[in-house]
């Protein structure tokens, strides 16, 4: 009876049922896959935030004296009794981060513009920055980061910025982004 209308109807109905079951299965697989992608994204975000706290934990000393006014430039002479430094001048600048990788520097990424090995200095806990706006070896107090030393230079098109050194942690540097922070140039009390 393969030619009977009932048989043809049953075969078509079975075909529709199979197609519907396949579509439902594909939907379930896609939902489960999307769930895994979302969970993986949340885990990665949590790990990067934990890593960022670890990176900045040693440098996350707030400014000893913070200006309530965010004017672009000014002069302050308040002392930091523990560090023996006076803030010579302060201003709000764009602050970014960089790494010791050839793609961001040159063929000798650990050797800075002042000729020192900033990778070793960083591992000893020193905060290093690159900037064209300040002379080499200038000490800066950067809001939320702490006291840093200018030891490197940047591309001339970023002459207005200060770039915080983060060794090889590219993810933390990208996560840091571009921030506008108060920066105080320090001078020795004498």
N, C-alpha and C. Protein backbone atom coordinates (compact mmCIF):
# COMPACT_ATOMS: atom_id res chain seq x y z
N UNK A 1 0.76 -1.18 0.00
CA UNK A 1 0.00 0.00 0.00
C UNK A 1 0.82 1.28 0.00
N UNK A 2 1.99 1.26 -0.50
CA UNK A 2 2.79 2.47 -0.51
C UNK A 2 2.17 3.58 -1.33
N UNK A 3 1.25 3.27 -2.23
CA UNK A 3 0.65 4.34 -3.04
C UNK A 3 -0.61 4.90 -2.42
N UNK A 4 -1.08 4.33 -1.35
CA UNK A 4 -2.34 4.81 -0.76
C UNK A 4 -2.14 6.17 -0.11
N UNK A 5 -3.17 6.99 -0.11
CA UNK A 5 -3.07 8.32 0.49
C UNK A 5 -2.76 8.26 1.98
N UNK A 6 -3.23 7.27 2.68
CA UNK A 6 -2.95 7.16 4.12
C UNK A 6 -1.48 6.91 4.37
N UNK A 7 -0.88 6.02 3.57
CA UNK A 7 0.53 5.71 3.72
C UNK A 7 1.38 6.95 3.45
N UNK A 8 1.05 7.67 2.39
CA UNK A 8 1.79 8.89 2.03
C UNK A 8 1.67 9.91 3.16
N UNK A 9 0.47 10.05 3.71
CA UNK A 9 0.25 11.00 4.81
C UNK A 9 1.07 10.62 6.04
N UNK A 10 1.10 9.32 6.36
CA UNK A 10 1.88 8.87 7.52
C UNK A 10 3.37 9.13 7.33
N UNK A 11 3.88 8.90 6.13
CA UNK A 11 5.31 9.14 5.86
C UNK A 11 5.64 10.63 5.96
N UNK A 12 4.75 11.48 5.44
CA UNK A 12 4.99 12.92 5.52
C UNK A 12 4.94 13.38 6.98
N UNK A 13 3.98 12.85 7.75
CA UNK A 13 3.85 13.21 9.15
C UNK A 13 5.10 12.78 9.94
N UNK A 14 5.60 11.58 9.66
CA UNK A 14 6.81 11.09 10.31
C UNK A 14 8.00 11.98 9.96
N UNK A 15 8.09 12.40 8.71
CA UNK A 15 9.17 13.27 8.25
C UNK A 15 9.12 14.61 8.99
N UNK A 16 7.92 15.18 9.16
CA UNK A 16 7.78 16.44 9.89
C UNK A 16 8.17 16.27 11.36
N UNK A 17 7.80 15.16 11.94
CA UNK A 17 8.13 14.89 13.35
C UNK A 17 9.64 14.76 13.53
N UNK A 18 10.30 14.08 12.60
CA UNK A 18 11.76 13.93 12.67
C UNK A 18 12.44 15.29 12.55
N UNK A 19 11.97 16.10 11.60
CA UNK A 19 12.56 17.43 11.41
C UNK A 19 12.34 18.30 12.66
N UNK A 20 11.18 18.22 13.26
CA UNK A 20 10.89 18.99 14.47
C UNK A 20 11.79 18.53 15.62
N UNK A 21 12.01 17.23 15.74
CA UNK A 21 12.89 16.71 16.79
C UNK A 21 14.32 17.17 16.58
N UNK A 22 14.76 17.20 15.34
CA UNK A 22 16.12 17.67 15.03
C UNK A 22 16.25 19.14 15.38
N UNK A 23 15.24 19.95 15.00
CA UNK A 23 15.29 21.39 15.32
C UNK A 23 15.34 21.60 16.83
N UNK A 24 14.55 20.85 17.58
CA UNK A 24 14.54 20.98 19.04
C UNK A 24 15.90 20.60 19.63
N UNK A 25 16.50 19.54 19.09
CA UNK A 25 17.82 19.11 19.56
C UNK A 25 18.87 20.19 19.27
N UNK A 26 18.83 20.77 18.09
CA UNK A 26 19.79 21.82 17.71
C UNK A 26 19.62 23.02 18.65
N UNK A 27 18.37 23.39 18.96
CA UNK A 27 18.12 24.50 19.89
C UNK A 27 18.71 24.21 21.26
N UNK A 28 18.54 23.00 21.76
CA UNK A 28 19.10 22.63 23.07
C UNK A 28 20.62 22.72 23.06
N UNK A 29 21.23 22.21 22.01
CA UNK A 29 22.69 22.25 21.90
C UNK A 29 23.18 23.70 21.85
N UNK A 30 22.50 24.55 21.10
CA UNK A 30 22.90 25.96 21.02
C UNK A 30 22.75 26.66 22.37
N UNK A 31 21.67 26.38 23.08
CA UNK A 31 21.47 26.99 24.41
C UNK A 31 22.55 26.54 25.39
N UNK A 32 22.87 25.28 25.37
CA UNK A 32 23.92 24.76 26.26
C UNK A 32 25.26 25.39 25.90
N UNK A 33 25.56 25.49 24.61
CA UNK A 33 26.83 26.10 24.16
C UNK A 33 26.90 27.55 24.58
N UNK A 34 25.80 28.28 24.41
CA UNK A 34 25.77 29.68 24.81
C UNK A 34 25.99 29.80 26.31
N UNK A 35 25.41 28.91 27.07
CA UNK A 35 25.61 28.91 28.52
C UNK A 35 27.07 28.72 28.89
N UNK A 36 27.75 27.79 28.22
CA UNK A 36 29.18 27.57 28.49
C UNK A 36 29.99 28.80 28.13
N UNK A 37 29.67 29.45 27.01
CA UNK A 37 30.40 30.65 26.60
C UNK A 37 30.21 31.75 27.64
N UNK A 38 28.98 31.93 28.12
CA UNK A 38 28.73 32.95 29.13
C UNK A 38 29.48 32.65 30.43
N UNK A 39 29.46 31.41 30.86
CA UNK A 39 30.17 31.03 32.08
C UNK A 39 31.67 31.25 31.92
N UNK A 40 32.22 30.86 30.77
CA UNK A 40 33.65 31.06 30.53
C UNK A 40 33.99 32.55 30.55
N UNK A 41 33.12 33.39 29.98
CA UNK A 41 33.36 34.83 29.98
C UNK A 41 33.35 35.41 31.38
N UNK A 42 32.43 34.96 32.20
CA UNK A 42 32.35 35.44 33.58
C UNK A 42 33.59 35.01 34.36
N UNK A 43 34.01 33.77 34.17
CA UNK A 43 35.21 33.28 34.86
C UNK A 43 36.44 34.08 34.43
N UNK A 44 36.57 34.34 33.14
CA UNK A 44 37.72 35.11 32.66
C UNK A 44 37.70 36.53 33.22
N UNK A 45 36.52 37.15 33.28
CA UNK A 45 36.40 38.49 33.84
C UNK A 45 36.80 38.50 35.32
N UNK A 46 36.35 37.50 36.06
CA UNK A 46 36.70 37.42 37.48
C UNK A 46 38.20 37.22 37.67
N UNK A 47 38.81 36.39 36.82
CA UNK A 47 40.25 36.16 36.93
C UNK A 47 41.02 37.43 36.60
N UNK A 48 40.59 38.17 35.57
CA UNK A 48 41.32 39.39 35.20
C UNK A 48 41.19 40.44 36.29
N UNK A 49 40.01 40.53 36.94
CA UNK A 49 39.86 41.48 38.03
C UNK A 49 40.73 41.09 39.22
N UNK A 50 40.79 39.80 39.53
CA UNK A 50 41.64 39.33 40.63
C UNK A 50 43.11 39.61 40.31
N UNK A 51 43.50 39.37 39.06
CA UNK A 51 44.88 39.61 38.63
C UNK A 51 45.20 41.10 38.70
N UNK A 52 44.25 41.94 38.32
CA UNK A 52 44.47 43.38 38.36
C UNK A 52 44.68 43.83 39.80
N UNK A 53 43.89 43.32 40.74
CA UNK A 53 44.08 43.68 42.14
C UNK A 53 45.44 43.23 42.63
N UNK A 54 45.90 42.06 42.19
CA UNK A 54 47.21 41.55 42.58
C UNK A 54 48.31 42.45 42.03
N UNK A 55 48.18 42.87 40.75
CA UNK A 55 49.19 43.71 40.12
C UNK A 55 49.28 45.06 40.82
N UNK A 56 48.11 45.67 41.09
CA UNK A 56 48.13 47.01 41.64
C UNK A 56 48.17 47.02 43.16
N UNK A 57 48.08 45.84 43.78
CA UNK A 57 48.09 45.80 45.24
C UNK A 57 49.32 46.46 45.84
N UNK A 58 50.48 46.21 45.24
CA UNK A 58 51.70 46.77 45.80
C UNK A 58 51.87 48.24 45.46
N UNK A 59 51.18 48.72 44.44
CA UNK A 59 51.30 50.12 44.04
C UNK A 59 50.04 50.92 44.35
N UNK A 60 49.07 50.32 45.00
CA UNK A 60 47.77 50.98 45.18
C UNK A 60 47.76 51.89 46.40
N UNK A 61 48.81 52.63 46.62
CA UNK A 61 48.85 53.60 47.71
C UNK A 61 48.24 54.89 47.17
N UNK A 62 47.22 55.36 47.82
CA UNK A 62 46.57 56.59 47.35
C UNK A 62 47.50 57.77 47.55
N UNK A 63 47.24 58.83 46.87
CA UNK A 63 48.03 60.04 47.04
C UNK A 63 47.95 60.51 48.49
N UNK A 64 49.07 60.93 49.04
CA UNK A 64 49.08 61.40 50.43
C UNK A 64 48.20 62.63 50.58
N UNK A 65 48.24 63.49 49.60
CA UNK A 65 47.37 64.66 49.60
C UNK A 65 46.72 64.75 48.25
N UNK A 66 45.43 64.80 48.25
CA UNK A 66 44.68 64.80 47.00
C UNK A 66 44.00 66.14 46.84
N UNK A 67 44.02 66.68 45.67
CA UNK A 67 43.35 67.93 45.42
C UNK A 67 41.88 67.69 45.15
N UNK A 68 41.03 68.48 45.80
CA UNK A 68 39.61 68.39 45.51
C UNK A 68 39.30 69.06 44.19
N UNK A 69 40.12 70.00 43.80
CA UNK A 69 39.91 70.68 42.52
C UNK A 69 40.68 69.94 41.45
N UNK A 70 40.09 69.71 40.32
CA UNK A 70 40.74 68.96 39.23
C UNK A 70 41.17 69.92 38.13
N UNK A 71 41.86 71.00 38.50
CA UNK A 71 42.34 71.93 37.51
C UNK A 71 43.48 71.29 36.74
N UNK A 72 43.70 71.69 35.48
CA UNK A 72 44.73 71.04 34.69
C UNK A 72 46.15 71.26 35.18
N UNK A 73 46.44 72.33 35.84
CA UNK A 73 47.81 72.54 36.31
C UNK A 73 47.78 73.38 37.57
N UNK A 74 48.78 73.23 38.41
CA UNK A 74 48.84 74.00 39.63
C UNK A 74 50.13 73.75 40.36
N UNK A 75 50.33 74.42 41.48
CA UNK A 75 51.53 74.23 42.28
C UNK A 75 51.09 73.99 43.71
N UNK A 76 51.66 72.97 44.34
CA UNK A 76 51.38 72.68 45.74
C UNK A 76 52.71 72.41 46.42
N UNK A 77 52.78 72.72 47.68
CA UNK A 77 54.01 72.46 48.44
C UNK A 77 53.67 71.82 49.76
N UNK A 78 53.02 70.69 49.71
CA UNK A 78 52.69 69.94 50.91
C UNK A 78 53.69 68.81 51.05
N UNK A 79 54.11 68.53 52.26
CA UNK A 79 55.17 67.54 52.42
C UNK A 79 54.60 66.17 52.70
N UNK A 80 55.36 65.17 52.33
CA UNK A 80 55.06 63.79 52.64
C UNK A 80 56.12 63.35 53.64
N UNK A 81 55.77 63.35 54.91
CA UNK A 81 56.76 63.13 55.97
C UNK A 81 57.45 61.79 55.84
N UNK A 82 56.75 60.75 55.38
CA UNK A 82 57.38 59.44 55.31
C UNK A 82 58.36 59.34 54.15
N UNK A 83 58.11 59.99 53.07
CA UNK A 83 58.97 59.85 51.90
C UNK A 83 60.00 60.94 51.76
N UNK A 84 59.91 62.02 52.56
CA UNK A 84 60.89 63.08 52.45
C UNK A 84 60.80 63.83 51.14
N UNK A 85 59.65 63.81 50.51
CA UNK A 85 59.50 64.48 49.21
C UNK A 85 58.43 65.55 49.32
N UNK A 86 58.57 66.59 48.55
CA UNK A 86 57.57 67.65 48.46
C UNK A 86 57.00 67.63 47.04
N UNK A 87 55.71 67.89 46.97
CA UNK A 87 55.08 67.94 45.65
C UNK A 87 55.38 69.30 45.03
N UNK A 88 56.12 69.27 43.93
CA UNK A 88 56.55 70.50 43.27
C UNK A 88 55.42 71.09 42.44
N UNK A 89 54.80 70.27 41.62
CA UNK A 89 53.66 70.71 40.82
C UNK A 89 52.82 69.49 40.51
N UNK A 90 51.55 69.71 40.25
CA UNK A 90 50.66 68.59 39.97
C UNK A 90 49.74 68.95 38.81
N UNK A 91 49.24 67.95 38.17
CA UNK A 91 48.27 68.15 37.09
C UNK A 91 47.55 66.84 36.80
N UNK A 92 46.44 66.95 36.09
CA UNK A 92 45.69 65.78 35.68
C UNK A 92 46.18 65.39 34.28
N UNK A 93 46.57 64.13 34.14
CA UNK A 93 47.06 63.63 32.85
C UNK A 93 46.40 62.30 32.53
N UNK A 94 46.47 61.93 31.26
CA UNK A 94 46.06 60.59 30.86
C UNK A 94 47.14 59.61 31.29
N UNK A 95 46.72 58.53 31.94
CA UNK A 95 47.65 57.50 32.38
C UNK A 95 47.24 56.19 31.73
N UNK A 96 48.20 55.51 31.11
CA UNK A 96 47.98 54.23 30.46
C UNK A 96 48.99 53.24 31.03
N UNK A 97 49.05 52.06 30.46
CA UNK A 97 50.00 51.05 30.93
C UNK A 97 50.67 50.39 29.74
N UNK A 98 51.88 49.89 29.95
CA UNK A 98 52.60 49.20 28.88
C UNK A 98 53.37 48.02 29.43
N UNK A 99 53.86 47.18 28.52
CA UNK A 99 54.52 45.93 28.89
C UNK A 99 55.89 45.81 28.25
N UNK A 100 56.68 44.88 28.78
CA UNK A 100 58.01 44.62 28.24
C UNK A 100 57.92 43.52 27.19
N UNK A 101 57.25 43.85 26.09
CA UNK A 101 57.15 42.94 24.96
C UNK A 101 57.58 43.71 23.72
N UNK A 102 58.28 43.06 22.79
CA UNK A 102 58.81 43.77 21.62
C UNK A 102 57.75 44.51 20.81
N UNK A 103 56.51 44.00 20.79
CA UNK A 103 55.47 44.66 20.00
C UNK A 103 55.16 46.06 20.55
N UNK A 104 55.42 46.28 21.83
CA UNK A 104 55.11 47.57 22.44
C UNK A 104 56.36 48.44 22.64
N UNK A 105 57.53 47.84 22.53
CA UNK A 105 58.76 48.59 22.80
C UNK A 105 59.70 48.48 21.60
N UNK A 106 60.80 47.79 21.79
CA UNK A 106 61.75 47.52 20.71
C UNK A 106 62.34 46.13 20.94
N UNK A 107 63.47 45.84 20.34
CA UNK A 107 64.04 44.50 20.45
C UNK A 107 64.64 44.21 21.83
N UNK A 108 64.81 45.24 22.66
CA UNK A 108 65.30 45.06 24.04
C UNK A 108 64.27 45.65 25.00
N UNK A 109 63.15 44.97 25.21
CA UNK A 109 62.04 45.56 25.96
C UNK A 109 62.31 45.84 27.43
N UNK A 110 63.29 45.19 28.04
CA UNK A 110 63.56 45.43 29.46
C UNK A 110 64.54 46.58 29.69
N UNK A 111 65.23 47.01 28.65
CA UNK A 111 66.17 48.12 28.79
C UNK A 111 65.44 49.41 28.46
N UNK A 112 65.38 50.30 29.45
CA UNK A 112 64.62 51.54 29.31
C UNK A 112 65.48 52.66 28.73
N UNK A 113 64.88 53.81 28.54
CA UNK A 113 65.58 54.96 27.97
C UNK A 113 66.71 55.44 28.87
N UNK A 114 66.61 55.20 30.18
CA UNK A 114 67.70 55.62 31.07
C UNK A 114 68.81 54.57 31.15
N UNK A 115 68.68 53.47 30.40
CA UNK A 115 69.73 52.45 30.33
C UNK A 115 69.65 51.36 31.38
N UNK A 116 68.63 51.40 32.25
CA UNK A 116 68.53 50.39 33.30
C UNK A 116 67.59 49.26 32.88
N UNK A 117 67.66 48.16 33.61
CA UNK A 117 66.80 47.01 33.37
C UNK A 117 65.54 47.19 34.20
N UNK A 118 64.48 47.68 33.57
CA UNK A 118 63.26 47.98 34.32
C UNK A 118 62.51 46.71 34.74
N UNK A 119 62.76 45.60 34.07
CA UNK A 119 62.13 44.34 34.48
C UNK A 119 62.64 43.94 35.87
N UNK A 120 63.94 44.07 36.09
CA UNK A 120 64.52 43.77 37.41
C UNK A 120 64.03 44.75 38.45
N UNK A 121 63.97 46.02 38.10
CA UNK A 121 63.51 47.04 39.03
C UNK A 121 62.05 46.80 39.42
N UNK A 122 61.24 46.40 38.45
CA UNK A 122 59.82 46.11 38.70
C UNK A 122 59.67 44.93 39.65
N UNK A 123 60.49 43.88 39.42
CA UNK A 123 60.41 42.69 40.27
C UNK A 123 60.81 43.01 41.71
N UNK A 124 61.63 44.04 41.91
CA UNK A 124 62.01 44.46 43.26
C UNK A 124 60.93 45.34 43.90
N UNK A 125 59.85 45.63 43.15
CA UNK A 125 58.74 46.39 43.70
C UNK A 125 58.70 47.86 43.33
N UNK A 126 59.60 48.29 42.46
CA UNK A 126 59.63 49.70 42.07
C UNK A 126 58.58 49.97 41.00
N UNK A 127 57.90 51.08 41.12
CA UNK A 127 56.94 51.52 40.11
C UNK A 127 57.69 52.36 39.07
N UNK A 128 57.65 51.91 37.83
CA UNK A 128 58.34 52.57 36.73
C UNK A 128 57.30 53.13 35.77
N UNK A 129 57.57 54.33 35.24
CA UNK A 129 56.68 54.91 34.22
C UNK A 129 57.50 55.42 33.05
N UNK A 130 56.83 55.52 31.92
CA UNK A 130 57.41 56.15 30.73
C UNK A 130 56.66 57.46 30.51
N UNK A 131 57.40 58.51 30.20
CA UNK A 131 56.77 59.80 29.93
C UNK A 131 57.75 60.70 29.19
N UNK A 132 57.23 61.49 28.28
CA UNK A 132 58.04 62.50 27.60
C UNK A 132 57.86 63.86 28.26
N UNK A 133 56.89 63.99 29.15
CA UNK A 133 56.56 65.26 29.78
C UNK A 133 57.47 65.59 30.96
N UNK A 134 58.22 64.62 31.45
CA UNK A 134 59.08 64.82 32.62
C UNK A 134 60.49 64.33 32.30
N UNK A 135 61.52 64.92 32.92
CA UNK A 135 62.88 64.43 32.71
C UNK A 135 63.04 63.01 33.28
N UNK A 136 63.99 62.27 32.72
CA UNK A 136 64.29 60.93 33.25
C UNK A 136 64.68 61.04 34.72
N UNK A 137 64.33 60.03 35.49
CA UNK A 137 64.59 59.91 36.93
C UNK A 137 63.76 60.86 37.79
N UNK A 138 62.76 61.52 37.19
CA UNK A 138 61.84 62.35 37.97
C UNK A 138 60.94 61.43 38.77
N UNK A 139 60.69 61.78 40.03
CA UNK A 139 59.77 61.01 40.86
C UNK A 139 58.39 61.63 40.75
N UNK A 140 57.38 60.77 40.51
CA UNK A 140 56.00 61.22 40.38
C UNK A 140 55.14 60.50 41.40
N UNK A 141 54.15 61.19 41.94
CA UNK A 141 53.14 60.57 42.79
C UNK A 141 51.86 60.54 41.96
N UNK A 142 51.42 59.31 41.63
CA UNK A 142 50.26 59.13 40.76
C UNK A 142 49.08 58.64 41.60
N UNK A 143 47.98 59.35 41.47
CA UNK A 143 46.76 59.02 42.20
C UNK A 143 46.40 57.55 42.01
N UNK A 144 46.09 56.86 43.08
CA UNK A 144 45.71 55.45 43.17
C UNK A 144 46.84 54.47 42.85
N UNK A 145 47.99 54.95 42.40
CA UNK A 145 49.10 54.05 42.07
C UNK A 145 50.24 54.20 43.07
N UNK A 146 50.63 55.42 43.35
CA UNK A 146 51.70 55.67 44.31
C UNK A 146 52.87 56.40 43.68
N UNK A 147 54.03 56.33 44.33
CA UNK A 147 55.23 57.01 43.86
C UNK A 147 55.94 56.16 42.82
N UNK A 148 56.28 56.79 41.69
CA UNK A 148 56.91 56.10 40.56
C UNK A 148 58.09 56.91 40.06
N UNK A 149 58.95 56.26 39.28
CA UNK A 149 60.12 56.91 38.70
C UNK A 149 60.00 56.91 37.18
N UNK A 150 60.26 58.06 36.56
CA UNK A 150 60.28 58.14 35.10
C UNK A 150 61.59 57.53 34.63
N UNK A 151 61.52 56.39 33.95
CA UNK A 151 62.74 55.70 33.50
C UNK A 151 62.70 55.40 32.01
N UNK A 152 61.59 55.72 31.35
CA UNK A 152 61.45 55.35 29.95
C UNK A 152 60.74 56.46 29.19
N UNK A 153 60.78 56.37 27.89
CA UNK A 153 60.15 57.35 27.01
C UNK A 153 59.05 56.69 26.20
N UNK A 154 58.19 57.53 25.61
CA UNK A 154 57.06 57.05 24.82
C UNK A 154 57.19 57.59 23.40
N UNK A 155 56.33 57.10 22.52
CA UNK A 155 56.26 57.65 21.16
C UNK A 155 55.87 59.12 21.27
N UNK A 156 56.45 59.99 20.45
CA UNK A 156 56.17 61.43 20.55
C UNK A 156 54.68 61.80 20.46
N UNK A 157 53.87 60.99 19.78
CA UNK A 157 52.45 61.35 19.66
C UNK A 157 51.71 61.22 21.00
N UNK A 158 52.34 60.57 21.99
CA UNK A 158 51.73 60.44 23.31
C UNK A 158 52.49 61.27 24.35
N UNK A 159 52.99 62.40 23.95
CA UNK A 159 53.80 63.24 24.83
C UNK A 159 53.08 63.74 26.06
N UNK A 160 51.77 63.75 26.04
CA UNK A 160 50.98 64.25 27.17
C UNK A 160 50.65 63.16 28.19
N UNK A 161 50.96 61.92 27.88
CA UNK A 161 50.58 60.80 28.74
C UNK A 161 51.71 60.35 29.65
N UNK A 162 51.31 59.56 30.66
CA UNK A 162 52.25 58.82 31.50
C UNK A 162 51.85 57.36 31.37
N UNK A 163 52.82 56.50 31.12
CA UNK A 163 52.59 55.09 30.85
C UNK A 163 53.19 54.25 31.99
N UNK A 164 52.36 53.52 32.74
CA UNK A 164 52.81 52.72 33.87
C UNK A 164 53.32 51.37 33.36
N UNK A 165 54.50 50.95 33.82
CA UNK A 165 55.11 49.69 33.40
C UNK A 165 54.50 48.52 34.15
N UNK A 166 54.07 47.48 33.41
CA UNK A 166 53.46 46.29 34.01
C UNK A 166 54.14 45.00 33.56
N UNK A 167 55.43 45.04 33.31
CA UNK A 167 56.22 43.88 32.89
C UNK A 167 55.55 43.15 31.74
N UNK A 168 55.22 41.87 31.88
CA UNK A 168 54.68 41.10 30.76
C UNK A 168 53.17 40.85 30.85
N UNK A 169 52.50 41.46 31.81
CA UNK A 169 51.07 41.23 32.00
C UNK A 169 50.25 42.12 31.06
N UNK A 170 50.13 41.68 29.81
CA UNK A 170 49.43 42.44 28.77
C UNK A 170 47.95 42.59 29.13
N UNK A 171 47.35 41.55 29.67
CA UNK A 171 45.92 41.61 30.02
C UNK A 171 45.66 42.72 31.04
N UNK A 172 46.50 42.83 32.07
CA UNK A 172 46.31 43.87 33.09
C UNK A 172 46.49 45.25 32.48
N UNK A 173 47.45 45.39 31.57
CA UNK A 173 47.68 46.69 30.93
C UNK A 173 46.47 47.09 30.09
N UNK A 174 45.91 46.14 29.35
CA UNK A 174 44.71 46.44 28.55
C UNK A 174 43.54 46.77 29.46
N UNK A 175 43.42 46.03 30.54
CA UNK A 175 42.34 46.26 31.49
C UNK A 175 42.46 47.64 32.15
N UNK A 176 43.68 48.10 32.37
CA UNK A 176 43.92 49.42 32.97
C UNK A 176 43.35 50.52 32.08
N UNK A 177 43.52 50.37 30.77
CA UNK A 177 42.94 51.32 29.83
C UNK A 177 43.59 52.68 29.90
N UNK A 178 42.80 53.72 29.63
CA UNK A 178 43.24 55.11 29.70
C UNK A 178 42.46 55.76 30.83
N UNK A 179 43.19 56.28 31.83
CA UNK A 179 42.55 56.92 32.98
C UNK A 179 43.09 58.33 33.13
N UNK A 180 42.26 59.23 33.59
CA UNK A 180 42.71 60.59 33.91
C UNK A 180 42.96 60.64 35.41
N UNK A 181 44.24 60.80 35.78
CA UNK A 181 44.64 60.77 37.19
C UNK A 181 45.46 62.01 37.53
N UNK A 182 45.42 62.37 38.80
CA UNK A 182 46.24 63.48 39.29
C UNK A 182 47.67 62.98 39.47
N UNK A 183 48.61 63.73 38.92
CA UNK A 183 50.03 63.37 39.02
C UNK A 183 50.77 64.55 39.64
N UNK A 184 51.52 64.26 40.69
CA UNK A 184 52.32 65.29 41.35
C UNK A 184 53.79 65.01 41.11
N UNK A 185 54.50 66.00 40.61
CA UNK A 185 55.96 65.87 40.46
C UNK A 185 56.58 66.12 41.83
N UNK A 186 57.48 65.25 42.25
CA UNK A 186 58.08 65.34 43.58
C UNK A 186 59.47 65.95 43.51
N UNK A 187 59.83 66.65 44.56
CA UNK A 187 61.20 67.15 44.66
C UNK A 187 61.72 66.81 46.05
N UNK A 188 63.05 66.65 46.17
CA UNK A 188 63.67 66.35 47.47
C UNK A 188 63.53 67.55 48.38
N UNK A 189 63.22 67.27 49.66
CA UNK A 189 63.23 68.36 50.65
C UNK A 189 64.67 68.59 51.05
N UNK A 190 65.06 69.81 51.07
CA UNK A 190 66.46 70.05 51.37
C UNK A 190 66.75 71.06 52.34
